[in-house]
PDB file of N, CA and C in Angstrom:
ATOM      1  N   MET A   1       0.823  -1.194   0.000  1.00  0.00           N
ATOM      2  CA  MET A   1       0.000   0.000   0.000  1.00  0.00           C
ATOM      3  C   MET A   1       0.862   1.250   0.000  1.00  0.00           C
ATOM      4  N   SER A   2       2.125   1.092  -0.154  1.00  0.00           N
ATOM      5  CA  SER A   2       3.075   2.197  -0.302  1.00  0.00           C
ATOM      6  C   SER A   2       2.925   3.285   0.764  1.00  0.00           C
ATOM      7  N   GLY A   3       2.897   2.881   2.053  1.00  0.00           N
ATOM      8  CA  GLY A   3       2.902   3.854   3.129  1.00  0.00           C
ATOM      9  C   GLY A   3       1.554   4.457   3.470  1.00  0.00           C
ATOM     10  N   ARG A   4       0.517   4.118   2.757  1.00  0.00           N
ATOM     11  CA  ARG A   4      -0.811   4.662   3.057  1.00  0.00           C
ATOM     12  C   ARG A   4      -1.553   3.721   3.984  1.00  0.00           C
ATOM     13  N   ASN A   5      -2.299   4.302   4.910  1.00  0.00           N
ATOM     14  CA  ASN A   5      -3.129   3.486   5.785  1.00  0.00           C
ATOM     15  C   ASN A   5      -4.344   3.012   5.018  1.00  0.00           C
ATOM     16  N   PRO A   6      -4.826   1.800   5.322  1.00  0.00           N
ATOM     17  CA  PRO A   6      -6.041   1.321   4.645  1.00  0.00           C
ATOM     18  C   PRO A   6      -7.248   2.127   5.088  1.00  0.00           C
ATOM     19  N   THR A   7      -8.229   2.193   4.216  1.00  0.00           N
ATOM     20  CA  THR A   7      -9.494   2.833   4.556  1.00  0.00           C
ATOM     21  C   THR A   7     -10.204   1.968   5.576  1.00  0.00           C
ATOM     22  N   ARG A   8     -10.727   2.585   6.619  1.00  0.00           N
ATOM     23  CA  ARG A   8     -11.428   1.837   7.658  1.00  0.00           C
ATOM     24  C   ARG A   8     -12.927   1.913   7.404  1.00  0.00           C
ATOM     25  N   VAL A   9     -13.584   0.754   7.333  1.00  0.00           N
ATOM     26  CA  VAL A   9     -15.034   0.662   7.168  1.00  0.00           C
ATOM     27  C   VAL A   9     -15.572  -0.103   8.365  1.00  0.00           C
ATOM     28  N   VAL A  10     -16.554   0.481   9.047  1.00  0.00           N
ATOM     29  CA  VAL A  10     -17.155  -0.149  10.222  1.00  0.00           C
ATOM     30  C   VAL A  10     -18.565  -0.591   9.872  1.00  0.00           C
ATOM     31  N   VAL A  11     -18.848  -1.878  10.064  1.00  0.00           N
ATOM     32  CA  VAL A  11     -20.177  -2.418   9.848  1.00  0.00           C
ATOM     33  C   VAL A  11     -20.900  -2.345  11.188  1.00  0.00           C
ATOM     34  N   THR A  12     -22.010  -1.603  11.235  1.00  0.00           N
ATOM     35  CA  THR A  12     -22.768  -1.462  12.474  1.00  0.00           C
ATOM     36  C   THR A  12     -23.882  -2.505  12.529  1.00  0.00           C
ATOM     37  N   ASP A  13     -24.353  -2.787  13.741  1.00  0.00           N
ATOM     38  CA  ASP A  13     -25.413  -3.784  13.903  1.00  0.00           C
ATOM     39  C   ASP A  13     -26.740  -3.342  13.300  1.00  0.00           C
ATOM     40  N   ASP A  14     -27.085  -2.073  13.487  1.00  0.00           N
ATOM     41  CA  ASP A  14     -28.408  -1.614  13.065  1.00  0.00           C
ATOM     42  C   ASP A  14     -28.330  -0.208  12.487  1.00  0.00           C
ATOM     43  N   GLY A  15     -27.491  -0.039  11.492  1.00  0.00           N
ATOM     44  CA  GLY A  15     -27.342   1.287  10.921  1.00  0.00           C
ATOM     45  C   GLY A  15     -26.469   1.249   9.680  1.00  0.00           C
ATOM     46  N   PRO A  16     -25.828   2.361   9.385  1.00  0.00           N
ATOM     47  CA  PRO A  16     -25.069   2.485   8.145  1.00  0.00           C
ATOM     48  C   PRO A  16     -23.699   1.823   8.216  1.00  0.00           C
ATOM     49  N   LEU A  17     -23.076   1.712   7.059  1.00  0.00           N
ATOM     50  CA  LEU A  17     -21.647   1.422   6.998  1.00  0.00           C
ATOM     51  C   LEU A  17     -20.945   2.740   7.259  1.00  0.00           C
ATOM     52  N   LEU A  18     -19.977   2.754   8.151  1.00  0.00           N
ATOM     53  CA  LEU A  18     -19.231   3.974   8.454  1.00  0.00           C
ATOM     54  C   LEU A  18     -17.868   3.892   7.799  1.00  0.00           C
ATOM     55  N   VAL A  19     -17.589   4.838   6.899  1.00  0.00           N
ATOM     56  CA  VAL A  19     -16.331   4.875   6.162  1.00  0.00           C
ATOM     57  C   VAL A  19     -15.516   6.043   6.698  1.00  0.00           C
ATOM     58  N   HIS A  20     -14.308   5.752   7.163  1.00  0.00           N
ATOM     59  CA  HIS A  20     -13.438   6.790   7.723  1.00  0.00           C
ATOM     60  C   HIS A  20     -12.591   7.401   6.610  1.00  0.00           C
ATOM     61  N   GLY A  21     -12.622   8.724   6.539  1.00  0.00           N
ATOM     62  CA  GLY A  21     -11.854   9.452   5.539  1.00  0.00           C
ATOM     63  C   GLY A  21     -12.679   9.758   4.308  1.00  0.00           C
ATOM     64  N   PRO A  22     -12.128  10.557   3.420  1.00  0.00           N
ATOM     65  CA  PRO A  22     -12.840  10.890   2.181  1.00  0.00           C
ATOM     66  C   PRO A  22     -13.172   9.620   1.395  1.00  0.00           C
ATOM     67  N   VAL A  23     -14.305   9.668   0.687  1.00  0.00           N
ATOM     68  CA  VAL A  23     -14.734   8.486  -0.061  1.00  0.00           C
ATOM     69  C   VAL A  23     -15.423   8.913  -1.355  1.00  0.00           C
ATOM     70  N   GLU A  24     -15.190   8.145  -2.405  1.00  0.00           N
ATOM     71  CA  GLU A  24     -15.928   8.269  -3.656  1.00  0.00           C
ATOM     72  C   GLU A  24     -16.796   7.026  -3.766  1.00  0.00           C
ATOM     73  N   VAL A  25     -18.076   7.218  -4.079  1.00  0.00           N
ATOM     74  CA  VAL A  25     -19.005   6.100  -4.198  1.00  0.00           C
ATOM     75  C   VAL A  25     -19.536   6.076  -5.621  1.00  0.00           C
ATOM     76  N   GLU A  26     -19.359   4.943  -6.295  1.00  0.00           N
ATOM     77  CA  GLU A  26     -19.899   4.795  -7.644  1.00  0.00           C
ATOM     78  C   GLU A  26     -21.273   4.140  -7.545  1.00  0.00           C
ATOM     79  N   LEU A  27     -22.277   4.824  -8.090  1.00  0.00           N
ATOM     80  CA  LEU A  27     -23.662   4.350  -8.044  1.00  0.00           C
ATOM     81  C   LEU A  27     -23.941   3.400  -9.198  1.00  0.00           C
ATOM     82  N   PRO A  28     -25.017   2.615  -9.118  1.00  0.00           N
ATOM     83  CA  PRO A  28     -25.323   1.652 -10.179  1.00  0.00           C
ATOM     84  C   PRO A  28     -25.441   2.280 -11.570  1.00  0.00           C
ATOM     85  N   ASP A  29     -25.866   3.549 -11.626  1.00  0.00           N
ATOM     86  CA  ASP A  29     -26.011   4.200 -12.936  1.00  0.00           C
ATOM     87  C   ASP A  29     -24.708   4.821 -13.437  1.00  0.00           C
ATOM     88  N   GLY A  30     -23.613   4.615 -12.701  1.00  0.00           N
ATOM     89  CA  GLY A  30     -22.313   5.107 -13.136  1.00  0.00           C
ATOM     90  C   GLY A  30     -21.911   6.453 -12.552  1.00  0.00           C
ATOM     91  N   ARG A  31     -22.872   7.166 -11.958  1.00  0.00           N
ATOM     92  CA  ARG A  31     -22.522   8.444 -11.327  1.00  0.00           C
ATOM     93  C   ARG A  31     -21.600   8.194 -10.144  1.00  0.00           C
ATOM     94  N   VAL A  32     -20.755   9.187  -9.856  1.00  0.00           N
ATOM     95  CA  VAL A  32     -19.857   9.113  -8.716  1.00  0.00           C
ATOM     96  C   VAL A  32     -20.176  10.269  -7.787  1.00  0.00           C
ATOM     97  N   VAL A  33     -20.386   9.957  -6.498  1.00  0.00           N
ATOM     98  CA  VAL A  33     -20.615  10.984  -5.494  1.00  0.00           C
ATOM     99  C   VAL A  33     -19.437  10.947  -4.526  1.00  0.00           C
ATOM    100  N   VAL A  34     -19.098  12.118  -3.993  1.00  0.00           N
ATOM    101  CA  VAL A  34     -17.918  12.251  -3.145  1.00  0.00           C
ATOM    102  C   VAL A  34     -18.325  12.804  -1.789  1.00  0.00           C
ATOM    103  N   SER A  35     -17.723  12.258  -0.739  1.00  0.00           N
ATOM    104  CA  SER A  35     -17.847  12.818   0.602  1.00  0.00           C
ATOM    105  C   SER A  35     -16.447  13.043   1.131  1.00  0.00           C
ATOM    106  N   ARG A  36     -16.185  14.237   1.605  1.00  0.00           N
ATOM    107  CA  ARG A  36     -14.876  14.563   2.166  1.00  0.00           C
ATOM    108  C   ARG A  36     -14.922  14.647   3.690  1.00  0.00           C
ATOM    109  N   ARG A  37     -15.984  14.132   4.278  1.00  0.00           N
ATOM    110  CA  ARG A  37     -16.139  14.147   5.733  1.00  0.00           C
ATOM    111  C   ARG A  37     -15.143  13.197   6.390  1.00  0.00           C
ATOM    112  N   ALA A  38     -14.896  13.410   7.673  1.00  0.00           N
ATOM    113  CA  ALA A  38     -14.005  12.522   8.417  1.00  0.00           C
ATOM    114  C   ALA A  38     -14.593  11.113   8.512  1.00  0.00           C
ATOM    115  N   VAL A  39     -15.916  11.023   8.687  1.00  0.00           N
ATOM    116  CA  VAL A  39     -16.622   9.744   8.705  1.00  0.00           C
ATOM    117  C   VAL A  39     -17.910   9.919   7.908  1.00  0.00           C
ATOM    118  N   THR A  40     -18.143   9.023   6.966  1.00  0.00           N
ATOM    119  CA  THR A  40     -19.338   9.067   6.130  1.00  0.00           C
ATOM    120  C   THR A  40     -20.180   7.833   6.403  1.00  0.00           C
ATOM    121  N   GLY A  41     -21.480   8.032   6.614  1.00  0.00           N
ATOM    122  CA  GLY A  41     -22.402   6.922   6.789  1.00  0.00           C
ATOM    123  C   GLY A  41     -23.049   6.575   5.457  1.00  0.00           C
ATOM    124  N   LEU A  42     -22.900   5.332   5.034  1.00  0.00           N
ATOM    125  CA  LEU A  42     -23.519   4.868   3.796  1.00  0.00           C
ATOM    126  C   LEU A  42     -24.718   3.996   4.141  1.00  0.00           C
ATOM    127  N   CYS A  43     -25.851   4.325   3.562  1.00  0.00           N
ATOM    128  CA  CYS A  43     -27.105   3.635   3.846  1.00  0.00           C
ATOM    129  C   CYS A  43     -27.056   2.199   3.335  1.00  0.00           C
ATOM    130  N   VAL A  44     -27.455   1.266   4.189  1.00  0.00           N
ATOM    131  CA  VAL A  44     -27.580  -0.133   3.780  1.00  0.00           C
ATOM    132  C   VAL A  44     -29.006  -0.653   3.931  1.00  0.00           C
ATOM    133  N   CYS A  45     -29.896   0.166   4.514  1.00  0.00           N
ATOM    134  CA  CYS A  45     -31.269  -0.287   4.745  1.00  0.00           C
ATOM    135  C   CYS A  45     -32.209   0.087   3.598  1.00  0.00           C
ATOM    136  N   GLY A  46     -31.802   1.044   2.764  1.00  0.00           N
ATOM    137  CA  GLY A  46     -32.635   1.450   1.640  1.00  0.00           C
ATOM    138  C   GLY A  46     -33.709   2.469   1.971  1.00  0.00           C
ATOM    139  N   LEU A  47     -33.745   2.956   3.205  1.00  0.00           N
ATOM    140  CA  LEU A  47     -34.784   3.904   3.606  1.00  0.00           C
ATOM    141  C   LEU A  47     -34.370   5.367   3.477  1.00  0.00           C
ATOM    142  N   SER A  48     -33.106   5.639   3.253  1.00  0.00           N
ATOM    143  CA  SER A  48     -32.610   7.008   3.216  1.00  0.00           C
ATOM    144  C   SER A  48     -33.214   7.805   2.062  1.00  0.00           C
ATOM    145  N   ALA A  49     -33.523   9.061   2.337  1.00  0.00           N
ATOM    146  CA  ALA A  49     -33.980   9.976   1.292  1.00  0.00           C
ATOM    147  C   ALA A  49     -32.788  10.602   0.574  1.00  0.00           C
ATOM    148  N   ARG A  50     -31.575  10.305   1.037  1.00  0.00           N
ATOM    149  CA  ARG A  50     -30.353  10.869   0.448  1.00  0.00           C
ATOM    150  C   ARG A  50     -29.371   9.777   0.023  1.00  0.00           C
ATOM    151  N   PRO A  51     -29.831   8.727  -0.662  1.00  0.00           N
ATOM    152  CA  PRO A  51     -28.911   7.649  -1.006  1.00  0.00           C
ATOM    153  C   PRO A  51     -27.762   8.163  -1.865  1.00  0.00           C
ATOM    154  N   PRO A  52     -26.581   7.643  -1.699  1.00  0.00           N
ATOM    155  CA  PRO A  52     -26.212   6.464  -0.920  1.00  0.00           C
ATOM    156  C   PRO A  52     -25.893   6.795   0.545  1.00  0.00           C
ATOM    157  N   PHE A  53     -26.107   8.048   0.946  1.00  0.00           N
ATOM    158  CA  PHE A  53     -25.733   8.456   2.293  1.00  0.00           C
ATOM    159  C   PHE A  53     -26.856   8.196   3.286  1.00  0.00           C
ATOM    160  N   CYS A  54     -26.485   7.866   4.511  1.00  0.00           N
ATOM    161  CA  CYS A  54     -27.445   7.613   5.571  1.00  0.00           C
ATOM    162  C   CYS A  54     -28.018   8.928   6.083  1.00  0.00           C
ATOM    163  N   ASP A  55     -29.343   8.960   6.280  1.00  0.00           N
ATOM    164  CA  ASP A  55     -29.983  10.132   6.895  1.00  0.00           C
ATOM    165  C   ASP A  55     -30.684   9.736   8.190  1.00  0.00           C
ATOM    166  N   THR A  56     -30.327   8.617   8.748  1.00  0.00           N
ATOM    167  CA  THR A  56     -30.855   8.026   9.989  1.00  0.00           C
ATOM    168  C   THR A  56     -32.302   7.538   9.863  1.00  0.00           C
ATOM    169  N   SER A  57     -32.804   7.350   8.660  1.00  0.00           N
ATOM    170  CA  SER A  57     -34.155   6.823   8.478  1.00  0.00           C
ATOM    171  C   SER A  57     -34.299   5.432   9.090  1.00  0.00           C
ATOM    172  N   HIS A  58     -33.208   4.693   9.203  1.00  0.00           N
ATOM    173  CA  HIS A  58     -33.257   3.352   9.783  1.00  0.00           C
ATOM    174  C   HIS A  58     -33.746   3.381  11.232  1.00  0.00           C
ATOM    175  N   ARG A  59     -33.605   4.516  11.901  1.00  0.00           N
ATOM    176  CA  ARG A  59     -34.039   4.612  13.293  1.00  0.00           C
ATOM    177  C   ARG A  59     -35.555   4.508  13.426  1.00  0.00           C
ATOM    178  N   ARG A  60     -36.285   4.849  12.370  1.00  0.00           N
ATOM    179  CA  ARG A  60     -37.752   4.773  12.400  1.00  0.00           C
ATOM    180  C   ARG A  60     -38.257   3.380  12.045  1.00  0.00           C
ATOM    181  N   ARG A  61     -37.356   2.546  11.521  1.00  0.00           N
ATOM    182  CA  ARG A  61     -37.740   1.193  11.144  1.00  0.00           C
ATOM    183  C   ARG A  61     -38.038   0.390  12.397  1.00  0.00           C
ATOM    184  N   ARG A  62     -39.119  -0.320  12.375  1.00  0.00           N
ATOM    185  CA  ARG A  62     -39.513  -1.135  13.538  1.00  0.00           C
ATOM    186  C   ARG A  62     -38.631  -2.378  13.608  1.00  0.00           C
ATOM    187  N   ARG A  63     -38.057  -2.631  14.768  1.00  0.00           N
ATOM    188  CA  ARG A  63     -37.247  -3.816  14.954  1.00  0.00           C
ATOM    189  C   ARG A  63     -38.138  -5.034  15.174  1.00  0.00           C
ATOM    190  N   PRO A  64     -37.687  -6.190  14.671  1.00  0.00           N
ATOM    191  CA  PRO A  64     -38.463  -7.400  14.935  1.00  0.00           C
ATOM    192  C   PRO A  64     -38.520  -7.651  16.439  1.00  0.00           C
ATOM    193  N   GLU A  65     -39.683  -8.098  16.903  1.00  0.00           N
ATOM    194  CA  GLU A  65     -39.828  -8.347  18.337  1.00  0.00           C
ATOM    195  C   GLU A  65     -38.992  -9.553  18.729  1.00  0.00           C
ATOM    196  N   GLU A  66     -38.356  -9.433  19.888  1.00  0.00           N
ATOM    197  CA  GLU A  66     -37.520 -10.519  20.374  1.00  0.00           C
ATOM    198  C   GLU A  66     -38.393 -11.592  20.995  1.00  0.00           C
ATOM    199  N   ASN A  67     -37.940 -12.829  20.884  1.00  0.00           N
ATOM    200  CA  ASN A  67     -38.652 -13.930  21.521  1.00  0.00           C
ATOM    201  C   ASN A  67     -38.436 -13.871  23.019  1.00  0.00           C
ATOM    202  N   PRO A  68     -39.488 -14.117  23.791  1.00  0.00           N
ATOM    203  CA  PRO A  68     -39.335 -14.074  25.265  1.00  0.00           C
ATOM    204  C   PRO A  68     -38.481 -15.195  25.786  1.00  0.00           C
TER     205      PRO A  68
END
């Protein structure tokens, strides 16, 4: 990797993928969107109004009830 640190991606239990550092995301239609934030949340639930970025819409999603 020639002295560069790897990009860190954190998979959360109930939320977005968190990508540390600037990121370019290529969408299915070929467009590329860029985030230069220190940490970018990428939506994996499909509920975001700002795809591919997370807007915390997953928080409104009802969780499956746990078995007693």
